[in-house]
Amino acid sequence: MAALPERLSSILQHEDQEAFEEIFKTSCFMPKKGLKVDKVVSMGWTSGVAHVKVYVKGNLYDLWTNTENLQSEKAGK
């Protein structure tokens, strides 16, 4: 099975609403502002897309976002 980013890209390309709803119910994590992160494992970006790996409540998550959404706690104060 393809990795989540490739699956999501394909779903969006083919406008597969049913698959989109399923992947968001089963494979996606929608963090909210103020979420307490246990540990940032890695962070990288290319062409405006950021990929951050974090632990939240003992679970490892891959977060994909636009680079302008990344902000350190110190920068936000």
PDB file of N, CA and C in Angstrom:
ATOM      1  N   MET A   1       0.845  -1.176   0.000  1.00  0.00           N
ATOM      2  CA  MET A   1       0.000   0.000   0.000  1.00  0.00           C
ATOM      3  C   MET A   1       0.891   1.240   0.000  1.00  0.00           C
ATOM      4  N   ALA A   2       0.487   2.258  -0.728  1.00  0.00           N
ATOM      5  CA  ALA A   2       1.244   3.503  -0.824  1.00  0.00           C
ATOM      6  C   ALA A   2       1.223   4.235   0.513  1.00  0.00           C
ATOM      7  N   ALA A   3       2.232   5.063   0.727  1.00  0.00           N
ATOM      8  CA  ALA A   3       2.303   5.871   1.938  1.00  0.00           C
ATOM      9  C   ALA A   3       1.154   6.883   1.935  1.00  0.00           C
ATOM     10  N   LEU A   4       0.794   7.349   3.110  1.00  0.00           N
ATOM     11  CA  LEU A   4      -0.340   8.252   3.254  1.00  0.00           C
ATOM     12  C   LEU A   4      -0.261   9.485   2.351  1.00  0.00           C
ATOM     13  N   PRO A   5       0.866  10.192   2.258  1.00  0.00           N
ATOM     14  CA  PRO A   5       0.889  11.374   1.382  1.00  0.00           C
ATOM     15  C   PRO A   5       0.581  11.042  -0.082  1.00  0.00           C
ATOM     16  N   GLU A   6       1.101   9.921  -0.569  1.00  0.00           N
ATOM     17  CA  GLU A   6       0.835   9.521  -1.947  1.00  0.00           C
ATOM     18  C   GLU A   6      -0.630   9.122  -2.129  1.00  0.00           C
ATOM     19  N   ARG A   7      -1.183   8.425  -1.147  1.00  0.00           N
ATOM     20  CA  ARG A   7      -2.593   8.039  -1.217  1.00  0.00           C
ATOM     21  C   ARG A   7      -3.484   9.275  -1.231  1.00  0.00           C
ATOM     22  N   LEU A   8      -3.198  10.219  -0.343  1.00  0.00           N
ATOM     23  CA  LEU A   8      -4.003  11.433  -0.269  1.00  0.00           C
ATOM     24  C   LEU A   8      -3.893  12.240  -1.556  1.00  0.00           C
ATOM     25  N   SER A   9      -2.695  12.349  -2.100  1.00  0.00           N
ATOM     26  CA  SER A   9      -2.495  13.068  -3.359  1.00  0.00           C
ATOM     27  C   SER A   9      -3.312  12.435  -4.481  1.00  0.00           C
ATOM     28  N   SER A  10      -3.294  11.122  -4.563  1.00  0.00           N
ATOM     29  CA  SER A  10      -4.049  10.414  -5.596  1.00  0.00           C
ATOM     30  C   SER A  10      -5.553  10.602  -5.414  1.00  0.00           C
ATOM     31  N   ILE A  11      -6.013  10.528  -4.183  1.00  0.00           N
ATOM     32  CA  ILE A  11      -7.436  10.724  -3.886  1.00  0.00           C
ATOM     33  C   ILE A  11      -7.885  12.111  -4.332  1.00  0.00           C
ATOM     34  N   LEU A  12      -7.082  13.123  -4.031  1.00  0.00           N
ATOM     35  CA  LEU A  12      -7.427  14.491  -4.420  1.00  0.00           C
ATOM     36  C   LEU A  12      -7.384  14.667  -5.931  1.00  0.00           C
ATOM     37  N   GLN A  13      -6.383  14.075  -6.569  1.00  0.00           N
ATOM     38  CA  GLN A  13      -6.246  14.180  -8.022  1.00  0.00           C
ATOM     39  C   GLN A  13      -7.465  13.592  -8.731  1.00  0.00           C
ATOM     40  N   HIS A  14      -7.983  12.480  -8.212  1.00  0.00           N
ATOM     41  CA  HIS A  14      -9.112  11.795  -8.845  1.00  0.00           C
ATOM     42  C   HIS A  14     -10.466  12.234  -8.278  1.00  0.00           C
ATOM     43  N   GLU A  15     -10.414  13.202  -7.351  1.00  0.00           N
ATOM     44  CA  GLU A  15     -11.638  13.737  -6.744  1.00  0.00           C
ATOM     45  C   GLU A  15     -12.536  12.623  -6.205  1.00  0.00           C
ATOM     46  N   ASP A  16     -11.908  11.682  -5.492  1.00  0.00           N
ATOM     47  CA  ASP A  16     -12.613  10.523  -4.935  1.00  0.00           C
ATOM     48  C   ASP A  16     -13.126  10.872  -3.531  1.00  0.00           C
ATOM     49  N   GLN A  17     -14.332  11.422  -3.461  1.00  0.00           N
ATOM     50  CA  GLN A  17     -14.895  11.896  -2.201  1.00  0.00           C
ATOM     51  C   GLN A  17     -15.042  10.773  -1.175  1.00  0.00           C
ATOM     52  N   GLU A  18     -15.471   9.599  -1.603  1.00  0.00           N
ATOM     53  CA  GLU A  18     -15.650   8.473  -0.681  1.00  0.00           C
ATOM     54  C   GLU A  18     -14.319   8.071  -0.043  1.00  0.00           C
ATOM     55  N   ALA A  19     -13.271   7.961  -0.852  1.00  0.00           N
ATOM     56  CA  ALA A  19     -11.951   7.609  -0.324  1.00  0.00           C
ATOM     57  C   ALA A  19     -11.419   8.721   0.569  1.00  0.00           C
ATOM     58  N   PHE A  20     -11.678   9.974   0.197  1.00  0.00           N
ATOM     59  CA  PHE A  20     -11.242  11.121   0.999  1.00  0.00           C
ATOM     60  C   PHE A  20     -11.859  11.058   2.399  1.00  0.00           C
ATOM     61  N   GLU A  21     -13.155  10.816   2.474  1.00  0.00           N
ATOM     62  CA  GLU A  21     -13.831  10.719   3.769  1.00  0.00           C
ATOM     63  C   GLU A  21     -13.303   9.544   4.586  1.00  0.00           C
ATOM     64  N   GLU A  22     -13.045   8.424   3.934  1.00  0.00           N
ATOM     65  CA  GLU A  22     -12.532   7.237   4.634  1.00  0.00           C
ATOM     66  C   GLU A  22     -11.135   7.473   5.193  1.00  0.00           C
ATOM     67  N   ILE A  23     -10.260   8.081   4.398  1.00  0.00           N
ATOM     68  CA  ILE A  23      -8.883   8.298   4.858  1.00  0.00           C
ATOM     69  C   ILE A  23      -8.858   9.277   6.032  1.00  0.00           C
ATOM     70  N   PHE A  24      -9.747  10.259   6.023  1.00  0.00           N
ATOM     71  CA  PHE A  24      -9.783  11.201   7.134  1.00  0.00           C
ATOM     72  C   PHE A  24     -10.380  10.585   8.389  1.00  0.00           C
ATOM     73  N   LYS A  25     -11.245   9.603   8.254  1.00  0.00           N
ATOM     74  CA  LYS A  25     -11.794   8.914   9.426  1.00  0.00           C
ATOM     75  C   LYS A  25     -10.792   7.949  10.031  1.00  0.00           C
ATOM     76  N   THR A  26      -9.933   7.349   9.204  1.00  0.00           N
ATOM     77  CA  THR A  26      -9.082   6.262   9.679  1.00  0.00           C
ATOM     78  C   THR A  26      -7.600   6.580   9.769  1.00  0.00           C
ATOM     79  N   SER A  27      -7.107   7.544   9.003  1.00  0.00           N
ATOM     80  CA  SER A  27      -5.658   7.731   8.903  1.00  0.00           C
ATOM     81  C   SER A  27      -5.166   9.132   9.211  1.00  0.00           C
ATOM     82  N   CYS A  28      -6.054  10.061   9.476  1.00  0.00           N
ATOM     83  CA  CYS A  28      -5.615  11.442   9.648  1.00  0.00           C
ATOM     84  C   CYS A  28      -5.837  11.938  11.064  1.00  0.00           C
ATOM     85  N   PHE A  29      -5.012  12.858  11.435  1.00  0.00           N
ATOM     86  CA  PHE A  29      -4.997  13.463  12.751  1.00  0.00           C
ATOM     87  C   PHE A  29      -5.048  14.969  12.514  1.00  0.00           C
ATOM     88  N   MET A  30      -6.053  15.645  13.036  1.00  0.00           N
ATOM     89  CA  MET A  30      -6.217  17.074  12.807  1.00  0.00           C
ATOM     90  C   MET A  30      -5.880  17.830  14.097  1.00  0.00           C
ATOM     91  N   PRO A  31      -4.619  18.242  14.249  1.00  0.00           N
ATOM     92  CA  PRO A  31      -4.229  18.930  15.484  1.00  0.00           C
ATOM     93  C   PRO A  31      -4.836  20.328  15.563  1.00  0.00           C
ATOM     94  N   LYS A  32      -5.073  20.772  16.757  1.00  0.00           N
ATOM     95  CA  LYS A  32      -5.605  22.112  17.016  1.00  0.00           C
ATOM     96  C   LYS A  32      -4.516  22.967  17.655  1.00  0.00           C
ATOM     97  N   LYS A  33      -4.636  24.268  17.508  1.00  0.00           N
ATOM     98  CA  LYS A  33      -3.694  25.198  18.120  1.00  0.00           C
ATOM     99  C   LYS A  33      -3.652  24.939  19.624  1.00  0.00           C
ATOM    100  N   GLY A  34      -2.459  24.936  20.187  1.00  0.00           N
ATOM    101  CA  GLY A  34      -2.288  24.711  21.609  1.00  0.00           C
ATOM    102  C   GLY A  34      -2.099  23.255  21.995  1.00  0.00           C
ATOM    103  N   LEU A  35      -2.123  22.344  21.021  1.00  0.00           N
ATOM    104  CA  LEU A  35      -1.927  20.921  21.292  1.00  0.00           C
ATOM    105  C   LEU A  35      -0.570  20.705  21.953  1.00  0.00           C
ATOM    106  N   LYS A  36      -0.550  19.979  23.039  1.00  0.00           N
ATOM    107  CA  LYS A  36       0.703  19.669  23.729  1.00  0.00           C
ATOM    108  C   LYS A  36       1.386  18.499  23.035  1.00  0.00           C
ATOM    109  N   VAL A  37       2.583  18.730  22.546  1.00  0.00           N
ATOM    110  CA  VAL A  37       3.374  17.721  21.846  1.00  0.00           C
ATOM    111  C   VAL A  37       4.407  17.174  22.816  1.00  0.00           C
ATOM    112  N   ASP A  38       4.503  15.843  22.913  1.00  0.00           N
ATOM    113  CA  ASP A  38       5.488  15.226  23.798  1.00  0.00           C
ATOM    114  C   ASP A  38       6.901  15.464  23.289  1.00  0.00           C
ATOM    115  N   LYS A  39       7.094  15.280  21.983  1.00  0.00           N
ATOM    116  CA  LYS A  39       8.434  15.393  21.404  1.00  0.00           C
ATOM    117  C   LYS A  39       8.327  15.620  19.901  1.00  0.00           C
ATOM    118  N   VAL A  40       9.140  16.539  19.381  1.00  0.00           N
ATOM    119  CA  VAL A  40       9.282  16.710  17.933  1.00  0.00           C
ATOM    120  C   VAL A  40      10.428  15.815  17.506  1.00  0.00           C
ATOM    121  N   VAL A  41      10.160  14.856  16.631  1.00  0.00           N
ATOM    122  CA  VAL A  41      11.166  13.892  16.189  1.00  0.00           C
ATOM    123  C   VAL A  41      11.990  14.459  15.044  1.00  0.00           C
ATOM    124  N   SER A  42      11.313  15.063  14.073  1.00  0.00           N
ATOM    125  CA  SER A  42      12.020  15.659  12.937  1.00  0.00           C
ATOM    126  C   SER A  42      11.146  16.725  12.299  1.00  0.00           C
ATOM    127  N   MET A  43      11.813  17.627  11.572  1.00  0.00           N
ATOM    128  CA  MET A  43      11.103  18.680  10.873  1.00  0.00           C
ATOM    129  C   MET A  43      11.880  19.013   9.614  1.00  0.00           C
ATOM    130  N   GLY A  44      11.187  19.081   8.492  1.00  0.00           N
ATOM    131  CA  GLY A  44      11.829  19.439   7.242  1.00  0.00           C
ATOM    132  C   GLY A  44      10.818  20.055   6.301  1.00  0.00           C
ATOM    133  N   TRP A  45      11.310  20.752   5.294  1.00  0.00           N
ATOM    134  CA  TRP A  45      10.396  21.363   4.337  1.00  0.00           C
ATOM    135  C   TRP A  45      11.067  21.560   2.998  1.00  0.00           C
ATOM    136  N   THR A  46      10.248  21.549   1.967  1.00  0.00           N
ATOM    137  CA  THR A  46      10.676  21.843   0.601  1.00  0.00           C
ATOM    138  C   THR A  46       9.506  22.477  -0.129  1.00  0.00           C
ATOM    139  N   SER A  47       9.797  23.439  -0.942  1.00  0.00           N
ATOM    140  CA  SER A  47       8.793  24.091  -1.803  1.00  0.00           C
ATOM    141  C   SER A  47       7.525  24.497  -1.060  1.00  0.00           C
ATOM    142  N   GLY A  48       7.684  25.009   0.157  1.00  0.00           N
ATOM    143  CA  GLY A  48       6.533  25.498   0.902  1.00  0.00           C
ATOM    144  C   GLY A  48       5.736  24.459   1.655  1.00  0.00           C
ATOM    145  N   VAL A  49       6.137  23.172   1.575  1.00  0.00           N
ATOM    146  CA  VAL A  49       5.431  22.108   2.292  1.00  0.00           C
ATOM    147  C   VAL A  49       6.318  21.605   3.425  1.00  0.00           C
ATOM    148  N   ALA A  50       5.766  21.596   4.621  1.00  0.00           N
ATOM    149  CA  ALA A  50       6.514  21.151   5.795  1.00  0.00           C
ATOM    150  C   ALA A  50       6.047  19.762   6.222  1.00  0.00           C
ATOM    151  N   HIS A  51       7.005  18.942   6.655  1.00  0.00           N
ATOM    152  CA  HIS A  51       6.725  17.601   7.181  1.00  0.00           C
ATOM    153  C   HIS A  51       7.339  17.542   8.570  1.00  0.00           C
ATOM    154  N   VAL A  52       6.494  17.334   9.571  1.00  0.00           N
ATOM    155  CA  VAL A  52       6.939  17.293  10.959  1.00  0.00           C
ATOM    156  C   VAL A  52       6.489  15.972  11.558  1.00  0.00           C
ATOM    157  N   LYS A  53       7.410  15.283  12.231  1.00  0.00           N
ATOM    158  CA  LYS A  53       7.065  14.048  12.945  1.00  0.00           C
ATOM    159  C   LYS A  53       7.073  14.370  14.433  1.00  0.00           C
ATOM    160  N   VAL A  54       5.954  14.056  15.104  1.00  0.00           N
ATOM    161  CA  VAL A  54       5.813  14.368  16.519  1.00  0.00           C
ATOM    162  C   VAL A  54       5.204  13.194  17.271  1.00  0.00           C
ATOM    163  N   TYR A  55       5.494  13.161  18.577  1.00  0.00           N
ATOM    164  CA  TYR A  55       4.809  12.247  19.483  1.00  0.00           C
ATOM    165  C   TYR A  55       3.776  13.054  20.260  1.00  0.00           C
ATOM    166  N   VAL A  56       2.546  12.548  20.284  1.00  0.00           N
ATOM    167  CA  VAL A  56       1.462  13.131  21.061  1.00  0.00           C
ATOM    168  C   VAL A  56       0.822  11.996  21.846  1.00  0.00           C
ATOM    169  N   LYS A  57       0.839  12.112  23.165  1.00  0.00           N
ATOM    170  CA  LYS A  57       0.271  11.078  24.043  1.00  0.00           C
ATOM    171  C   LYS A  57       0.809   9.695  23.704  1.00  0.00           C
ATOM    172  N   GLY A  58       2.107   9.621  23.399  1.00  0.00           N
ATOM    173  CA  GLY A  58       2.763   8.349  23.129  1.00  0.00           C
ATOM    174  C   GLY A  58       2.608   7.805  21.725  1.00  0.00           C
ATOM    175  N   ASN A  59       1.881   8.491  20.857  1.00  0.00           N
ATOM    176  CA  ASN A  59       1.694   8.046  19.473  1.00  0.00           C
ATOM    177  C   ASN A  59       2.486   8.929  18.522  1.00  0.00           C
ATOM    178  N   LEU A  60       3.112   8.315  17.517  1.00  0.00           N
ATOM    179  CA  LEU A  60       3.888   9.046  16.519  1.00  0.00           C
ATOM    180  C   LEU A  60       2.978   9.471  15.377  1.00  0.00           C
ATOM    181  N   TYR A  61       3.050  10.751  15.016  1.00  0.00           N
ATOM    182  CA  TYR A  61       2.240  11.290  13.918  1.00  0.00           C
ATOM    183  C   TYR A  61       3.128  12.001  12.917  1.00  0.00           C
ATOM    184  N   ASP A  62       2.770  11.882  11.642  1.00  0.00           N
ATOM    185  CA  ASP A  62       3.367  12.662  10.564  1.00  0.00           C
ATOM    186  C   ASP A  62       2.412  13.808  10.289  1.00  0.00           C
ATOM    187  N   LEU A  63       2.892  15.026  10.406  1.00  0.00           N
ATOM    188  CA  LEU A  63       2.073  16.197  10.123  1.00  0.00           C
ATOM    189  C   LEU A  63       2.574  16.846   8.844  1.00  0.00           C
ATOM    190  N   TRP A  64       1.668  17.166   7.948  1.00  0.00           N
ATOM    191  CA  TRP A  64       1.985  17.842   6.691  1.00  0.00           C
ATOM    192  C   TRP A  64       1.235  19.160   6.677  1.00  0.00           C
ATOM    193  N   THR A  65       1.936  20.261   6.385  1.00  0.00           N
ATOM    194  CA  THR A  65       1.303  21.568   6.385  1.00  0.00           C
ATOM    195  C   THR A  65       2.091  22.523   5.504  1.00  0.00           C
ATOM    196  N   ASN A  66       1.582  23.714   5.330  1.00  0.00           N
ATOM    197  CA  ASN A  66       2.338  24.760   4.646  1.00  0.00           C
ATOM    198  C   ASN A  66       3.388  25.295   5.606  1.00  0.00           C
ATOM    199  N   THR A  67       4.542  25.690   5.090  1.00  0.00           N
ATOM    200  CA  THR A  67       5.620  26.146   5.969  1.00  0.00           C
ATOM    201  C   THR A  67       5.214  27.354   6.796  1.00  0.00           C
ATOM    202  N   GLU A  68       4.323  28.212   6.286  1.00  0.00           N
ATOM    203  CA  GLU A  68       3.929  29.388   7.073  1.00  0.00           C
ATOM    204  C   GLU A  68       3.117  29.013   8.304  1.00  0.00           C
ATOM    205  N   ASN A  69       2.630  27.770   8.386  1.00  0.00           N
ATOM    206  CA  ASN A  69       1.908  27.321   9.570  1.00  0.00           C
ATOM    207  C   ASN A  69       2.842  26.904  10.704  1.00  0.00           C
ATOM    208  N   LEU A  70       4.134  26.750  10.406  1.00  0.00           N
ATOM    209  CA  LEU A  70       5.090  26.374  11.448  1.00  0.00           C
ATOM    210  C   LEU A  70       5.485  27.617  12.227  1.00  0.00           C
ATOM    211  N   GLN A  71       5.430  27.501  13.532  1.00  0.00           N
ATOM    212  CA  GLN A  71       5.784  28.627  14.376  1.00  0.00           C
ATOM    213  C   GLN A  71       6.258  28.076  15.710  1.00  0.00           C
ATOM    214  N   SER A  72       7.413  28.520  16.130  1.00  0.00           N
ATOM    215  CA  SER A  72       7.908  28.063  17.425  1.00  0.00           C
ATOM    216  C   SER A  72       7.160  28.796  18.527  1.00  0.00           C
ATOM    217  N   GLU A  73       7.175  28.232  19.720  1.00  0.00           N
ATOM    218  CA  GLU A  73       6.506  28.860  20.856  1.00  0.00           C
ATOM    219  C   GLU A  73       7.091  30.236  21.127  1.00  0.00           C
ATOM    220  N   LYS A  74       8.410  30.365  21.025  1.00  0.00           N
ATOM    221  CA  LYS A  74       9.061  31.647  21.285  1.00  0.00           C
ATOM    222  C   LYS A  74       8.671  32.685  20.238  1.00  0.00           C
ATOM    223  N   ALA A  75       8.559  32.267  18.980  1.00  0.00           N
ATOM    224  CA  ALA A  75       8.215  33.208  17.907  1.00  0.00           C
ATOM    225  C   ALA A  75       6.786  33.707  18.050  1.00  0.00           C
ATOM    226  N   GLY A  76       5.930  32.906  18.648  1.00  0.00           N
ATOM    227  CA  GLY A  76       4.529  33.268  18.777  1.00  0.00           C
ATOM    228  C   GLY A  76       4.234  34.205  19.929  1.00  0.00           C
ATOM    229  N   LYS A  77       5.201  34.455  20.777  1.00  0.00           N
ATOM    230  CA  LYS A  77       4.967  35.302  21.960  1.00  0.00           C
ATOM    231  C   LYS A  77       5.450  36.702  21.730  1.00  0.00           C
TER     232      LYS A  77
END
